């Protein structure tokens, strides 16, 4: 499901844990991707950085919806 779909589902069922689970799943996928693929220094570095940045922004948005602040750096 896309992030907007997850938000709509959470609203429809009145359950913020739907968003929380999406964030957990996305964070785990990002972690796996980052450990399996070279991002910095790869021929497609720009695309890979954009993918990681988009995932990070989506996580930040999800945490915001849940009322949780996101760190700027990890």
PDB file of N, CA and C in Angstrom:
ATOM      1  N   UNK A   1       0.839  -1.197   0.000  1.00  0.00           N
ATOM      2  CA  UNK A   1       0.000   0.000   0.000  1.00  0.00           C
ATOM      3  C   UNK A   1       0.876   1.250   0.000  1.00  0.00           C
ATOM      4  N   UNK A   2       0.389   2.288  -0.619  1.00  0.00           N
ATOM      5  CA  UNK A   2       1.101   3.557  -0.612  1.00  0.00           C
ATOM      6  C   UNK A   2       0.804   4.286   0.701  1.00  0.00           C
ATOM      7  N   UNK A   3       1.621   5.276   1.013  1.00  0.00           N
ATOM      8  CA  UNK A   3       1.426   6.028   2.245  1.00  0.00           C
ATOM      9  C   UNK A   3       0.036   6.677   2.309  1.00  0.00           C
ATOM     10  N   UNK A   4      -0.431   7.328   1.232  1.00  0.00           N
ATOM     11  CA  UNK A   4      -1.786   7.883   1.294  1.00  0.00           C
ATOM     12  C   UNK A   4      -2.861   6.814   1.546  1.00  0.00           C
ATOM     13  N   UNK A   5      -2.684   5.636   0.958  1.00  0.00           N
ATOM     14  CA  UNK A   5      -3.640   4.543   1.200  1.00  0.00           C
ATOM     15  C   UNK A   5      -3.632   4.116   2.664  1.00  0.00           C
ATOM     16  N   UNK A   6      -2.451   4.075   3.249  1.00  0.00           N
ATOM     17  CA  UNK A   6      -2.322   3.691   4.654  1.00  0.00           C
ATOM     18  C   UNK A   6      -3.017   4.720   5.545  1.00  0.00           C
ATOM     19  N   UNK A   7      -2.841   5.986   5.240  1.00  0.00           N
ATOM     20  CA  UNK A   7      -3.494   7.049   6.020  1.00  0.00           C
ATOM     21  C   UNK A   7      -5.005   6.907   5.914  1.00  0.00           C
ATOM     22  N   UNK A   8      -5.508   6.701   4.711  1.00  0.00           N
ATOM     23  CA  UNK A   8      -6.955   6.540   4.526  1.00  0.00           C
ATOM     24  C   UNK A   8      -7.482   5.340   5.298  1.00  0.00           C
ATOM     25  N   UNK A   9      -6.752   4.246   5.274  1.00  0.00           N
ATOM     26  CA  UNK A   9      -7.179   3.052   6.005  1.00  0.00           C
ATOM     27  C   UNK A   9      -7.190   3.305   7.503  1.00  0.00           C
ATOM     28  N   UNK A  10      -6.145   3.959   8.011  1.00  0.00           N
ATOM     29  CA  UNK A  10      -6.070   4.253   9.444  1.00  0.00           C
ATOM     30  C   UNK A  10      -7.240   5.121   9.881  1.00  0.00           C
ATOM     31  N   UNK A  11      -7.596   6.089   9.068  1.00  0.00           N
ATOM     32  CA  UNK A  11      -8.736   6.961   9.377  1.00  0.00           C
ATOM     33  C   UNK A  11     -10.032   6.153   9.334  1.00  0.00           C
ATOM     34  N   UNK A  12     -10.177   5.329   8.329  1.00  0.00           N
ATOM     35  CA  UNK A  12     -11.416   4.555   8.158  1.00  0.00           C
ATOM     36  C   UNK A  12     -11.665   3.600   9.316  1.00  0.00           C
ATOM     37  N   UNK A  13     -10.586   2.999   9.841  1.00  0.00           N
ATOM     38  CA  UNK A  13     -10.763   2.023  10.925  1.00  0.00           C
ATOM     39  C   UNK A  13     -10.465   2.628  12.302  1.00  0.00           C
ATOM     40  N   UNK A  14     -10.165   3.934  12.323  1.00  0.00           N
ATOM     41  CA  UNK A  14      -9.871   4.641  13.587  1.00  0.00           C
ATOM     42  C   UNK A  14      -8.756   3.944  14.359  1.00  0.00           C
ATOM     43  N   UNK A  15      -7.661   3.631  13.657  1.00  0.00           N
ATOM     44  CA  UNK A  15      -6.574   2.868  14.273  1.00  0.00           C
ATOM     45  C   UNK A  15      -5.218   3.407  13.825  1.00  0.00           C
ATOM     46  N   UNK A  16      -4.568   4.231  14.656  1.00  0.00           N
ATOM     47  CA  UNK A  16      -3.268   4.786  14.286  1.00  0.00           C
ATOM     48  C   UNK A  16      -2.162   3.732  14.188  1.00  0.00           C
ATOM     49  N   UNK A  17      -2.405   2.546  14.740  1.00  0.00           N
ATOM     50  CA  UNK A  17      -1.376   1.512  14.660  1.00  0.00           C
ATOM     51  C   UNK A  17      -1.143   1.068  13.217  1.00  0.00           C
ATOM     52  N   UNK A  18      -2.094   1.328  12.343  1.00  0.00           N
ATOM     53  CA  UNK A  18      -1.920   1.020  10.914  1.00  0.00           C
ATOM     54  C   UNK A  18      -0.753   1.852  10.363  1.00  0.00           C
ATOM     55  N   UNK A  19      -0.697   3.112  10.753  1.00  0.00           N
ATOM     56  CA  UNK A  19       0.397   3.999  10.325  1.00  0.00           C
ATOM     57  C   UNK A  19       1.702   3.569  10.989  1.00  0.00           C
ATOM     58  N   UNK A  20       1.637   3.250  12.266  1.00  0.00           N
ATOM     59  CA  UNK A  20       2.832   2.824  12.987  1.00  0.00           C
ATOM     60  C   UNK A  20       3.428   1.567  12.353  1.00  0.00           C
ATOM     61  N   UNK A  21       2.597   0.604  12.015  1.00  0.00           N
ATOM     62  CA  UNK A  21       3.093  -0.629  11.398  1.00  0.00           C
ATOM     63  C   UNK A  21       3.699  -0.357  10.034  1.00  0.00           C
ATOM     64  N   UNK A  22       3.084   0.541   9.269  1.00  0.00           N
ATOM     65  CA  UNK A  22       3.641   0.933   7.969  1.00  0.00           C
ATOM     66  C   UNK A  22       5.038   1.517   8.155  1.00  0.00           C
ATOM     67  N   UNK A  23       5.195   2.380   9.156  1.00  0.00           N
ATOM     68  CA  UNK A  23       6.498   3.001   9.412  1.00  0.00           C
ATOM     69  C   UNK A  23       7.542   1.954   9.812  1.00  0.00           C
ATOM     70  N   UNK A  24       7.149   1.025  10.655  1.00  0.00           N
ATOM     71  CA  UNK A  24       8.072  -0.046  11.063  1.00  0.00           C
ATOM     72  C   UNK A  24       8.493  -0.865   9.845  1.00  0.00           C
ATOM     73  N   UNK A  25       7.532  -1.249   9.031  1.00  0.00           N
ATOM     74  CA  UNK A  25       7.826  -2.052   7.836  1.00  0.00           C
ATOM     75  C   UNK A  25       8.741  -1.304   6.873  1.00  0.00           C
ATOM     76  N   UNK A  26       8.465  -0.020   6.657  1.00  0.00           N
ATOM     77  CA  UNK A  26       9.284   0.783   5.749  1.00  0.00           C
ATOM     78  C   UNK A  26      10.700   0.932   6.298  1.00  0.00           C
ATOM     79  N   UNK A  27      10.832   1.172   7.589  1.00  0.00           N
ATOM     80  CA  UNK A  27      12.161   1.303   8.196  1.00  0.00           C
ATOM     81  C   UNK A  27      12.957   0.002   8.041  1.00  0.00           C
ATOM     82  N   UNK A  28      12.296  -1.120   8.226  1.00  0.00           N
ATOM     83  CA  UNK A  28      12.980  -2.408   8.065  1.00  0.00           C
ATOM     84  C   UNK A  28      13.405  -2.630   6.615  1.00  0.00           C
ATOM     85  N   UNK A  29      12.539  -2.282   5.670  1.00  0.00           N
ATOM     86  CA  UNK A  29      12.893  -2.407   4.252  1.00  0.00           C
ATOM     87  C   UNK A  29      14.080  -1.513   3.892  1.00  0.00           C
ATOM     88  N   UNK A  30      14.072  -0.292   4.399  1.00  0.00           N
ATOM     89  CA  UNK A  30      15.176   0.642   4.133  1.00  0.00           C
ATOM     90  C   UNK A  30      16.475   0.120   4.717  1.00  0.00           C
ATOM     91  N   UNK A  31      16.413  -0.407   5.912  1.00  0.00           N
ATOM     92  CA  UNK A  31      17.592  -0.956   6.557  1.00  0.00           C
ATOM     93  C   UNK A  31      18.160  -2.115   5.737  1.00  0.00           C
ATOM     94  N   UNK A  32      17.302  -2.993   5.298  1.00  0.00           N
ATOM     95  CA  UNK A  32      17.744  -4.121   4.476  1.00  0.00           C
ATOM     96  C   UNK A  32      18.358  -3.625   3.172  1.00  0.00           C
ATOM     97  N   UNK A  33      17.704  -2.683   2.508  1.00  0.00           N
ATOM     98  CA  UNK A  33      18.209  -2.132   1.246  1.00  0.00           C
ATOM     99  C   UNK A  33      19.590  -1.514   1.453  1.00  0.00           C
ATOM    100  N   UNK A  34      19.726  -0.708   2.501  1.00  0.00           N
ATOM    101  CA  UNK A  34      20.980   0.006   2.748  1.00  0.00           C
ATOM    102  C   UNK A  34      22.127  -0.962   3.011  1.00  0.00           C
ATOM    103  N   UNK A  35      21.840  -2.071   3.673  1.00  0.00           N
ATOM    104  CA  UNK A  35      22.893  -3.047   3.968  1.00  0.00           C
ATOM    105  C   UNK A  35      23.210  -3.959   2.782  1.00  0.00           C
ATOM    106  N   UNK A  36      22.283  -4.096   1.856  1.00  0.00           N
ATOM    107  CA  UNK A  36      22.499  -4.982   0.705  1.00  0.00           C
ATOM    108  C   UNK A  36      23.061  -4.252  -0.522  1.00  0.00           C
ATOM    109  N   UNK A  37      22.898  -2.938  -0.566  1.00  0.00           N
ATOM    110  CA  UNK A  37      23.285  -2.176  -1.750  1.00  0.00           C
ATOM    111  C   UNK A  37      24.174  -1.000  -1.374  1.00  0.00           C
ATOM    112  N   UNK A  38      25.186  -0.769  -2.190  1.00  0.00           N
ATOM    113  CA  UNK A  38      26.023   0.404  -2.025  1.00  0.00           C
ATOM    114  C   UNK A  38      25.224   1.619  -2.488  1.00  0.00           C
ATOM    115  N   UNK A  39      25.201   2.639  -1.669  1.00  0.00           N
ATOM    116  CA  UNK A  39      24.485   3.860  -2.039  1.00  0.00           C
ATOM    117  C   UNK A  39      25.493   4.928  -2.450  1.00  0.00           C
ATOM    118  N   UNK A  40      26.388   5.285  -1.541  1.00  0.00           N
ATOM    119  CA  UNK A  40      27.409   6.300  -1.819  1.00  0.00           C
ATOM    120  C   UNK A  40      28.531   5.652  -2.628  1.00  0.00           C
ATOM    121  N   UNK A  41      28.862   6.277  -3.753  1.00  0.00           N
ATOM    122  CA  UNK A  41      29.956   5.780  -4.568  1.00  0.00           C
ATOM    123  C   UNK A  41      29.531   4.799  -5.652  1.00  0.00           C
ATOM    124  N   UNK A  42      28.264   4.503  -5.753  1.00  0.00           N
ATOM    125  CA  UNK A  42      27.763   3.611  -6.797  1.00  0.00           C
ATOM    126  C   UNK A  42      27.513   4.423  -8.065  1.00  0.00           C
ATOM    127  N   UNK A  43      27.529   3.766  -9.211  1.00  0.00           N
ATOM    128  CA  UNK A  43      27.298   4.448 -10.491  1.00  0.00           C
ATOM    129  C   UNK A  43      25.933   5.145 -10.522  1.00  0.00           C
ATOM    130  N   UNK A  44      24.968   4.598  -9.801  1.00  0.00           N
ATOM    131  CA  UNK A  44      23.626   5.189  -9.754  1.00  0.00           C
ATOM    132  C   UNK A  44      23.381   5.854  -8.400  1.00  0.00           C
ATOM    133  N   UNK A  45      24.421   6.475  -7.877  1.00  0.00           N
ATOM    134  CA  UNK A  45      24.348   7.099  -6.552  1.00  0.00           C
ATOM    135  C   UNK A  45      23.187   8.076  -6.435  1.00  0.00           C
ATOM    136  N   UNK A  46      22.988   8.907  -7.430  1.00  0.00           N
ATOM    137  CA  UNK A  46      21.926   9.915  -7.372  1.00  0.00           C
ATOM    138  C   UNK A  46      20.554   9.285  -7.195  1.00  0.00           C
ATOM    139  N   UNK A  47      20.279   8.258  -7.956  1.00  0.00           N
ATOM    140  CA  UNK A  47      18.986   7.574  -7.862  1.00  0.00           C
ATOM    141  C   UNK A  47      18.825   6.883  -6.515  1.00  0.00           C
ATOM    142  N   UNK A  48      19.898   6.270  -6.052  1.00  0.00           N
ATOM    143  CA  UNK A  48      19.828   5.560  -4.773  1.00  0.00           C
ATOM    144  C   UNK A  48      19.676   6.534  -3.611  1.00  0.00           C
ATOM    145  N   UNK A  49      20.355   7.660  -3.682  1.00  0.00           N
ATOM    146  CA  UNK A  49      20.183   8.673  -2.641  1.00  0.00           C
ATOM    147  C   UNK A  49      18.763   9.227  -2.650  1.00  0.00           C
ATOM    148  N   UNK A  50      18.212   9.422  -3.829  1.00  0.00           N
ATOM    149  CA  UNK A  50      16.834   9.916  -3.937  1.00  0.00           C
ATOM    150  C   UNK A  50      15.850   8.917  -3.329  1.00  0.00           C
ATOM    151  N   UNK A  51      16.081   7.634  -3.557  1.00  0.00           N
ATOM    152  CA  UNK A  51      15.222   6.594  -2.990  1.00  0.00           C
ATOM    153  C   UNK A  51      15.294   6.605  -1.464  1.00  0.00           C
ATOM    154  N   UNK A  52      16.503   6.665  -0.932  1.00  0.00           N
ATOM    155  CA  UNK A  52      16.681   6.690   0.523  1.00  0.00           C
ATOM    156  C   UNK A  52      16.062   7.960   1.110  1.00  0.00           C
ATOM    157  N   UNK A  53      16.242   9.095   0.440  1.00  0.00           N
ATOM    158  CA  UNK A  53      15.672  10.353   0.917  1.00  0.00           C
ATOM    159  C   UNK A  53      14.142  10.313   0.901  1.00  0.00           C
ATOM    160  N   UNK A  54      13.569   9.731  -0.133  1.00  0.00           N
ATOM    161  CA  UNK A  54      12.105   9.632  -0.220  1.00  0.00           C
ATOM    162  C   UNK A  54      11.563   8.747   0.899  1.00  0.00           C
ATOM    163  N   UNK A  55      12.241   7.651   1.158  1.00  0.00           N
ATOM    164  CA  UNK A  55      11.816   6.769   2.258  1.00  0.00           C
ATOM    165  C   UNK A  55      11.934   7.499   3.587  1.00  0.00           C
ATOM    166  N   UNK A  56      13.015   8.238   3.767  1.00  0.00           N
ATOM    167  CA  UNK A  56      13.198   9.008   5.002  1.00  0.00           C
ATOM    168  C   UNK A  56      12.107  10.050   5.188  1.00  0.00           C
ATOM    169  N   UNK A  57      11.744  10.735   4.115  1.00  0.00           N
ATOM    170  CA  UNK A  57      10.679  11.740   4.211  1.00  0.00           C
ATOM    171  C   UNK A  57       9.342  11.088   4.524  1.00  0.00           C
ATOM    172  N   UNK A  58       9.080   9.938   3.930  1.00  0.00           N
ATOM    173  CA  UNK A  58       7.831   9.221   4.207  1.00  0.00           C
ATOM    174  C   UNK A  58       7.781   8.789   5.665  1.00  0.00           C
ATOM    175  N   UNK A  59       8.908   8.298   6.191  1.00  0.00           N
ATOM    176  CA  UNK A  59       8.957   7.938   7.609  1.00  0.00           C
ATOM    177  C   UNK A  59       8.714   9.161   8.491  1.00  0.00           C
ATOM    178  N   UNK A  60       9.346  10.272   8.139  1.00  0.00           N
ATOM    179  CA  UNK A  60       9.157  11.509   8.901  1.00  0.00           C
ATOM    180  C   UNK A  60       7.687  11.934   8.885  1.00  0.00           C
ATOM    181  N   UNK A  61       7.045  11.823   7.721  1.00  0.00           N
ATOM    182  CA  UNK A  61       5.624  12.172   7.610  1.00  0.00           C
ATOM    183  C   UNK A  61       4.763  11.241   8.449  1.00  0.00           C
ATOM    184  N   UNK A  62       5.075   9.953   8.413  1.00  0.00           N
ATOM    185  CA  UNK A  62       4.320   8.992   9.206  1.00  0.00           C
ATOM    186  C   UNK A  62       4.445   9.255  10.695  1.00  0.00           C
ATOM    187  N   UNK A  63       5.651   9.545  11.140  1.00  0.00           N
ATOM    188  CA  UNK A  63       5.847   9.862  12.552  1.00  0.00           C
ATOM    189  C   UNK A  63       5.115  11.137  12.940  1.00  0.00           C
ATOM    190  N   UNK A  64       5.117  12.114  12.050  1.00  0.00           N
ATOM    191  CA  UNK A  64       4.396  13.363  12.309  1.00  0.00           C
ATOM    192  C   UNK A  64       2.897  13.103  12.500  1.00  0.00           C
ATOM    193  N   UNK A  65       2.340  12.262  11.643  1.00  0.00           N
ATOM    194  CA  UNK A  65       0.917  11.911  11.757  1.00  0.00           C
ATOM    195  C   UNK A  65       0.632  11.290  13.122  1.00  0.00           C
ATOM    196  N   UNK A  66       1.609  10.533  13.626  1.00  0.00           N
ATOM    197  CA  UNK A  66       1.446   9.863  14.925  1.00  0.00           C
ATOM    198  C   UNK A  66       1.781  10.782  16.100  1.00  0.00           C
ATOM    199  N   UNK A  67       2.239  12.004  15.801  1.00  0.00           N
ATOM    200  CA  UNK A  67       2.586  12.943  16.873  1.00  0.00           C
ATOM    201  C   UNK A  67       3.953  12.679  17.463  1.00  0.00           C
ATOM    202  N   UNK A  68       4.829  12.041  16.683  1.00  0.00           N
ATOM    203  CA  UNK A  68       6.172  11.694  17.144  1.00  0.00           C
ATOM    204  C   UNK A  68       7.179  12.495  16.340  1.00  0.00           C
ATOM    205  N   UNK A  69       8.098  13.144  17.020  1.00  0.00           N
ATOM    206  CA  UNK A  69       9.138  13.887  16.333  1.00  0.00           C
ATOM    207  C   UNK A  69      10.170  12.945  15.743  1.00  0.00           C
ATOM    208  N   UNK A  70      10.693  13.296  14.595  1.00  0.00           N
ATOM    209  CA  UNK A  70      11.718  12.486  13.936  1.00  0.00           C
ATOM    210  C   UNK A  70      13.071  13.169  14.089  1.00  0.00           C
ATOM    211  N   UNK A  71      14.122  12.397  14.371  1.00  0.00           N
ATOM    212  CA  UNK A  71      15.463  13.005  14.448  1.00  0.00           C
ATOM    213  C   UNK A  71      15.911  13.465  13.071  1.00  0.00           C
ATOM    214  N   UNK A  72      16.728  14.503  13.029  1.00  0.00           N
ATOM    215  CA  UNK A  72      17.255  14.991  11.753  1.00  0.00           C
ATOM    216  C   UNK A  72      18.326  14.058  11.204  1.00  0.00           C
ATOM    217  N   UNK A  73      19.083  13.428  12.100  1.00  0.00           N
ATOM    218  CA  UNK A  73      20.153  12.523  11.684  1.00  0.00           C
ATOM    219  C   UNK A  73      20.161  11.304  12.578  1.00  0.00           C
ATOM    220  N   UNK A  74      20.630  10.199  11.996  1.00  0.00           N
ATOM    221  CA  UNK A  74      20.798   8.979  12.783  1.00  0.00           C
ATOM    222  C   UNK A  74      22.170   8.424  12.520  1.00  0.00           C
TER     223      UNK A  74
END
